[in-house]
Amino acid sequence: MASTITSATLTVTLTEKIELNGTNHGSINTKTFDSINEISKRIVTVTTAESVIATFSAAVASAGHYVAADVRYIRFTNLDDSNFVTLTFRNQDNDEAAIKLDAGQSFIWNGDNANGMTAVMNATQDADAASSTNFGSLTNIQADADTAACDMEMVIASV
């Protein structure tokens, strides 16, 4: 059976609006991602126990599992009005980086333009001094809420 889905372009626009002392300091930036043919958009309940919310490898995609080289865009939005979520990103070397996603905030991770989530992450103590050859491929994303469960929107787009 041949697919009847036609690839499309994902357009992401970031708009910042602010005027200080009568001067506009806002900006609009747009990024397009061509040939997107898979989109996963879900609202997940993040509990206070850390759990894996997405996995990545070279294997075939399935529910909650993505082909690392194909992923171009990931967005998380914390839909809670008071509690934060910790997102932990792990690569193939078991390096981890965690970020705090406060109530109402979003975090975007763009994949490499050509290679998706492969060779995109280094989380060593001196990561800035590391060469690009030290980047590992993203293998999973974990989430846990601070003091009570939170709803979080997750969007993942792949070619």
C-alpha atoms as a PDB file:
ATOM      1  CA  MET A   1       0.000   0.000   0.000  1.00  0.00           C
ATOM      2  CA  ALA A   2       1.413   3.366  -1.009  1.00  0.00           C
ATOM      3  CA  SER A   3       1.032   6.404   1.204  1.00  0.00           C
ATOM      4  CA  THR A   4      -1.409   9.070   0.101  1.00  0.00           C
ATOM      5  CA  ILE A   5       0.082  11.693   2.413  1.00  0.00           C
ATOM      6  CA  THR A   6       1.764  14.584   0.644  1.00  0.00           C
ATOM      7  CA  SER A   7       4.701  16.192   2.431  1.00  0.00           C
ATOM      8  CA  ALA A   8       4.238  19.802   3.476  1.00  0.00           C
ATOM      9  CA  THR A   9       6.230  22.728   4.807  1.00  0.00           C
ATOM     10  CA  LEU A  10       6.019  23.493   8.524  1.00  0.00           C
ATOM     11  CA  THR A  11       6.326  27.219   9.184  1.00  0.00           C
ATOM     12  CA  VAL A  12       7.211  28.362  12.696  1.00  0.00           C
ATOM     13  CA  THR A  13       6.948  32.077  13.439  1.00  0.00           C
ATOM     14  CA  LEU A  14       8.256  33.655  16.639  1.00  0.00           C
ATOM     15  CA  THR A  15       6.809  37.085  17.352  1.00  0.00           C
ATOM     16  CA  GLU A  16       8.110  39.362  20.085  1.00  0.00           C
ATOM     17  CA  LYS A  17       6.145  42.565  20.693  1.00  0.00           C
ATOM     18  CA  ILE A  18       7.472  45.236  22.999  1.00  0.00           C
ATOM     19  CA  GLU A  19       7.625  48.996  22.925  1.00  0.00           C
ATOM     20  CA  LEU A  20       9.859  50.798  25.408  1.00  0.00           C
ATOM     21  CA  ASN A  21       9.898  54.562  25.693  1.00  0.00           C
ATOM     22  CA  GLY A  22       8.089  54.881  22.364  1.00  0.00           C
ATOM     23  CA  THR A  23      10.547  52.659  20.481  1.00  0.00           C
ATOM     24  CA  ASN A  24       9.584  49.300  19.009  1.00  0.00           C
ATOM     25  CA  HIS A  25      12.016  46.564  20.050  1.00  0.00           C
ATOM     26  CA  GLY A  26       9.932  43.659  18.786  1.00  0.00           C
ATOM     27  CA  SER A  27      10.866  41.206  16.086  1.00  0.00           C
ATOM     28  CA  ILE A  28       9.425  38.475  13.916  1.00  0.00           C
ATOM     29  CA  ASN A  29      11.522  35.469  12.920  1.00  0.00           C
ATOM     30  CA  THR A  30      10.327  32.658  10.695  1.00  0.00           C
ATOM     31  CA  LYS A  31      11.835  29.225  10.081  1.00  0.00           C
ATOM     32  CA  THR A  32      10.477  26.757   7.553  1.00  0.00           C
ATOM     33  CA  PHE A  33      10.946  23.005   7.584  1.00  0.00           C
ATOM     34  CA  ASP A  34      10.406  21.379   4.183  1.00  0.00           C
ATOM     35  CA  SER A  35       9.187  17.853   3.417  1.00  0.00           C
ATOM     36  CA  ILE A  36       7.433  17.248   6.749  1.00  0.00           C
ATOM     37  CA  ASN A  37       5.303  14.117   6.427  1.00  0.00           C
ATOM     38  CA  GLU A  38       4.824  13.098  10.063  1.00  0.00           C
ATOM     39  CA  ILE A  39       3.467  15.194  12.906  1.00  0.00           C
ATOM     40  CA  SER A  40       2.815  14.099  16.462  1.00  0.00           C
ATOM     41  CA  LYS A  41       0.855  16.519  18.629  1.00  0.00           C
ATOM     42  CA  ARG A  42      -0.278  15.405  22.050  1.00  0.00           C
ATOM     43  CA  ILE A  43      -1.111  16.694  25.455  1.00  0.00           C
ATOM     44  CA  VAL A  44       0.554  14.564  28.104  1.00  0.00           C
ATOM     45  CA  THR A  45       0.024  14.575  31.842  1.00  0.00           C
ATOM     46  CA  VAL A  46       3.440  14.925  33.441  1.00  0.00           C
ATOM     47  CA  THR A  47       3.545  13.462  36.944  1.00  0.00           C
ATOM     48  CA  THR A  48       6.040  14.118  39.731  1.00  0.00           C
ATOM     49  CA  ALA A  49       7.797  10.832  38.881  1.00  0.00           C
ATOM     50  CA  GLU A  50      10.268  11.206  36.025  1.00  0.00           C
ATOM     51  CA  SER A  51       9.149   9.262  32.964  1.00  0.00           C
ATOM     52  CA  VAL A  52      10.257   8.950  29.347  1.00  0.00           C
ATOM     53  CA  ILE A  53       7.938  10.879  27.019  1.00  0.00           C
ATOM     54  CA  ALA A  54       9.791  10.314  23.722  1.00  0.00           C
ATOM     55  CA  THR A  55      12.532   8.025  22.420  1.00  0.00           C
ATOM     56  CA  PHE A  56      14.758   8.350  19.350  1.00  0.00           C
ATOM     57  CA  SER A  57      16.865   5.857  17.375  1.00  0.00           C
ATOM     58  CA  ALA A  58      17.478   4.623  13.838  1.00  0.00           C
ATOM     59  CA  ALA A  59      14.613   2.130  14.130  1.00  0.00           C
ATOM     60  CA  VAL A  60      11.194   2.474  12.554  1.00  0.00           C
ATOM     61  CA  ALA A  61       8.929   5.084  14.147  1.00  0.00           C
ATOM     62  CA  SER A  62       6.062   3.953  16.386  1.00  0.00           C
ATOM     63  CA  ALA A  63       3.912   5.485  19.113  1.00  0.00           C
ATOM     64  CA  GLY A  64       6.198   7.692  21.214  1.00  0.00           C
ATOM     65  CA  HIS A  65       9.280   6.557  19.278  1.00  0.00           C
ATOM     66  CA  TYR A  66      10.845   8.627  16.500  1.00  0.00           C
ATOM     67  CA  VAL A  67      13.554   8.074  13.889  1.00  0.00           C
ATOM     68  CA  ALA A  68      16.276  10.415  15.178  1.00  0.00           C
ATOM     69  CA  ALA A  69      17.608  11.397  11.752  1.00  0.00           C
ATOM     70  CA  ASP A  70      14.120  12.405  10.560  1.00  0.00           C
ATOM     71  CA  VAL A  71      13.033  14.701  13.427  1.00  0.00           C
ATOM     72  CA  ARG A  72      13.340  18.389  12.537  1.00  0.00           C
ATOM     73  CA  TYR A  73      11.290  20.201  15.190  1.00  0.00           C
ATOM     74  CA  ILE A  74      10.209  19.598  18.793  1.00  0.00           C
ATOM     75  CA  ARG A  75       8.134  21.981  20.926  1.00  0.00           C
ATOM     76  CA  PHE A  76       6.997  21.635  24.508  1.00  0.00           C
ATOM     77  CA  THR A  77       4.493  24.014  26.127  1.00  0.00           C
ATOM     78  CA  ASN A  78       3.716  23.769  29.835  1.00  0.00           C
ATOM     79  CA  LEU A  79      -0.060  24.252  30.045  1.00  0.00           C
ATOM     80  CA  ASP A  80      -0.080  24.519  33.844  1.00  0.00           C
ATOM     81  CA  ASP A  81      -0.749  27.913  35.461  1.00  0.00           C
ATOM     82  CA  SER A  82       1.519  27.536  38.502  1.00  0.00           C
ATOM     83  CA  ASN A  83       3.821  24.495  38.399  1.00  0.00           C
ATOM     84  CA  PHE A  84       7.019  23.860  36.437  1.00  0.00           C
ATOM     85  CA  VAL A  85       8.159  20.801  34.493  1.00  0.00           C
ATOM     86  CA  THR A  86      11.737  19.552  34.245  1.00  0.00           C
ATOM     87  CA  LEU A  87      12.677  18.250  30.798  1.00  0.00           C
ATOM     88  CA  THR A  88      15.755  16.019  30.702  1.00  0.00           C
ATOM     89  CA  PHE A  89      17.432  15.300  27.377  1.00  0.00           C
ATOM     90  CA  ARG A  90      19.740  12.246  27.138  1.00  0.00           C
ATOM     91  CA  ASN A  91      22.115  11.356  24.318  1.00  0.00           C
ATOM     92  CA  GLN A  92      23.746   8.087  23.229  1.00  0.00           C
ATOM     93  CA  ASP A  93      26.671   8.697  25.610  1.00  0.00           C
ATOM     94  CA  ASN A  94      24.220   8.980  28.553  1.00  0.00           C
ATOM     95  CA  ASP A  95      25.023  12.691  28.846  1.00  0.00           C
ATOM     96  CA  GLU A  96      22.022  14.533  30.259  1.00  0.00           C
ATOM     97  CA  ALA A  97      20.914  18.144  30.161  1.00  0.00           C
ATOM     98  CA  ALA A  98      17.882  19.341  32.108  1.00  0.00           C
ATOM     99  CA  ILE A  99      15.865  22.507  31.653  1.00  0.00           C
ATOM    100  CA  LYS A 100      13.135  24.034  33.786  1.00  0.00           C
ATOM    101  CA  LEU A 101       9.961  24.779  31.836  1.00  0.00           C
ATOM    102  CA  ASP A 102       7.955  27.145  34.007  1.00  0.00           C
ATOM    103  CA  ALA A 103       4.172  27.497  33.939  1.00  0.00           C
ATOM    104  CA  GLY A 104       2.902  28.795  30.593  1.00  0.00           C
ATOM    105  CA  GLN A 105       6.319  28.672  28.914  1.00  0.00           C
ATOM    106  CA  SER A 106       7.488  26.879  25.777  1.00  0.00           C
ATOM    107  CA  PHE A 107      10.774  25.280  24.756  1.00  0.00           C
ATOM    108  CA  ILE A 108      11.737  24.580  21.148  1.00  0.00           C
ATOM    109  CA  TRP A 109      14.478  22.224  19.974  1.00  0.00           C
ATOM    110  CA  ASN A 110      15.156  22.348  16.260  1.00  0.00           C
ATOM    111  CA  GLY A 111      16.826  19.314  14.767  1.00  0.00           C
ATOM    112  CA  ASP A 112      19.864  19.552  12.535  1.00  0.00           C
ATOM    113  CA  ASN A 113      18.725  20.717   9.074  1.00  0.00           C
ATOM    114  CA  ALA A 114      20.067  17.568   7.405  1.00  0.00           C
ATOM    115  CA  ASN A 115      20.392  14.980  10.183  1.00  0.00           C
ATOM    116  CA  GLY A 116      17.561  15.614  12.620  1.00  0.00           C
ATOM    117  CA  MET A 117      18.419  14.664  16.203  1.00  0.00           C
ATOM    118  CA  THR A 118      21.680  12.879  15.347  1.00  0.00           C
ATOM    119  CA  ALA A 119      24.916  14.460  16.614  1.00  0.00           C
ATOM    120  CA  VAL A 120      23.143  17.422  18.262  1.00  0.00           C
ATOM    121  CA  MET A 121      23.902  17.209  21.985  1.00  0.00           C
ATOM    122  CA  ASN A 122      26.912  17.350  24.279  1.00  0.00           C
ATOM    123  CA  ALA A 123      26.312  17.797  27.991  1.00  0.00           C
ATOM    124  CA  THR A 124      29.759  17.388  29.483  1.00  0.00           C
ATOM    125  CA  GLN A 125      31.182  19.700  32.129  1.00  0.00           C
ATOM    126  CA  ASP A 126      33.179  21.604  29.493  1.00  0.00           C
ATOM    127  CA  ALA A 127      30.727  21.206  26.609  1.00  0.00           C
ATOM    128  CA  ASP A 128      31.534  24.608  25.095  1.00  0.00           C
ATOM    129  CA  ALA A 129      35.163  23.590  24.549  1.00  0.00           C
ATOM    130  CA  ALA A 130      34.185  20.327  22.874  1.00  0.00           C
ATOM    131  CA  SER A 131      34.463  19.983  19.121  1.00  0.00           C
ATOM    132  CA  SER A 132      31.445  19.229  16.979  1.00  0.00           C
ATOM    133  CA  THR A 133      32.660  15.633  16.723  1.00  0.00           C
ATOM    134  CA  ASN A 134      31.697  15.136  20.381  1.00  0.00           C
ATOM    135  CA  PHE A 135      27.988  15.668  19.801  1.00  0.00           C
ATOM    136  CA  GLY A 136      25.868  12.617  20.558  1.00  0.00           C
ATOM    137  CA  SER A 137      22.496  11.674  19.136  1.00  0.00           C
ATOM    138  CA  LEU A 138      19.402  12.354  21.232  1.00  0.00           C
ATOM    139  CA  THR A 139      18.043   9.045  22.579  1.00  0.00           C
ATOM    140  CA  ASN A 140      15.222  10.086  24.900  1.00  0.00           C
ATOM    141  CA  ILE A 141      13.411  12.919  26.616  1.00  0.00           C
ATOM    142  CA  GLN A 142      12.127  12.561  30.155  1.00  0.00           C
ATOM    143  CA  ALA A 143       9.747  14.828  32.042  1.00  0.00           C
ATOM    144  CA  ASP A 144       8.680  15.306  35.622  1.00  0.00           C
ATOM    145  CA  ALA A 145       6.538  17.924  37.319  1.00  0.00           C
ATOM    146  CA  ASP A 146       7.663  19.804  40.406  1.00  0.00           C
ATOM    147  CA  THR A 147       4.946  19.527  43.065  1.00  0.00           C
ATOM    148  CA  ALA A 148       1.830  18.320  41.223  1.00  0.00           C
ATOM    149  CA  ALA A 149       0.949  16.823  37.854  1.00  0.00           C
ATOM    150  CA  CYS A 150       0.962  19.218  34.875  1.00  0.00           C
ATOM    151  CA  ASP A 151      -0.469  19.067  31.387  1.00  0.00           C
ATOM    152  CA  MET A 152       2.109  19.690  28.694  1.00  0.00           C
ATOM    153  CA  GLU A 153       1.695  19.987  24.942  1.00  0.00           C
ATOM    154  CA  MET A 154       4.301  18.206  22.836  1.00  0.00           C
ATOM    155  CA  VAL A 155       4.719  18.630  19.068  1.00  0.00           C
ATOM    156  CA  ILE A 156       7.250  16.621  17.044  1.00  0.00           C
ATOM    157  CA  ALA A 157       7.614  17.059  13.271  1.00  0.00           C
ATOM    158  CA  SER A 158       9.586  14.660  11.061  1.00  0.00           C
ATOM    159  CA  VAL A 159      10.493  14.238   7.400  1.00  0.00           C
END
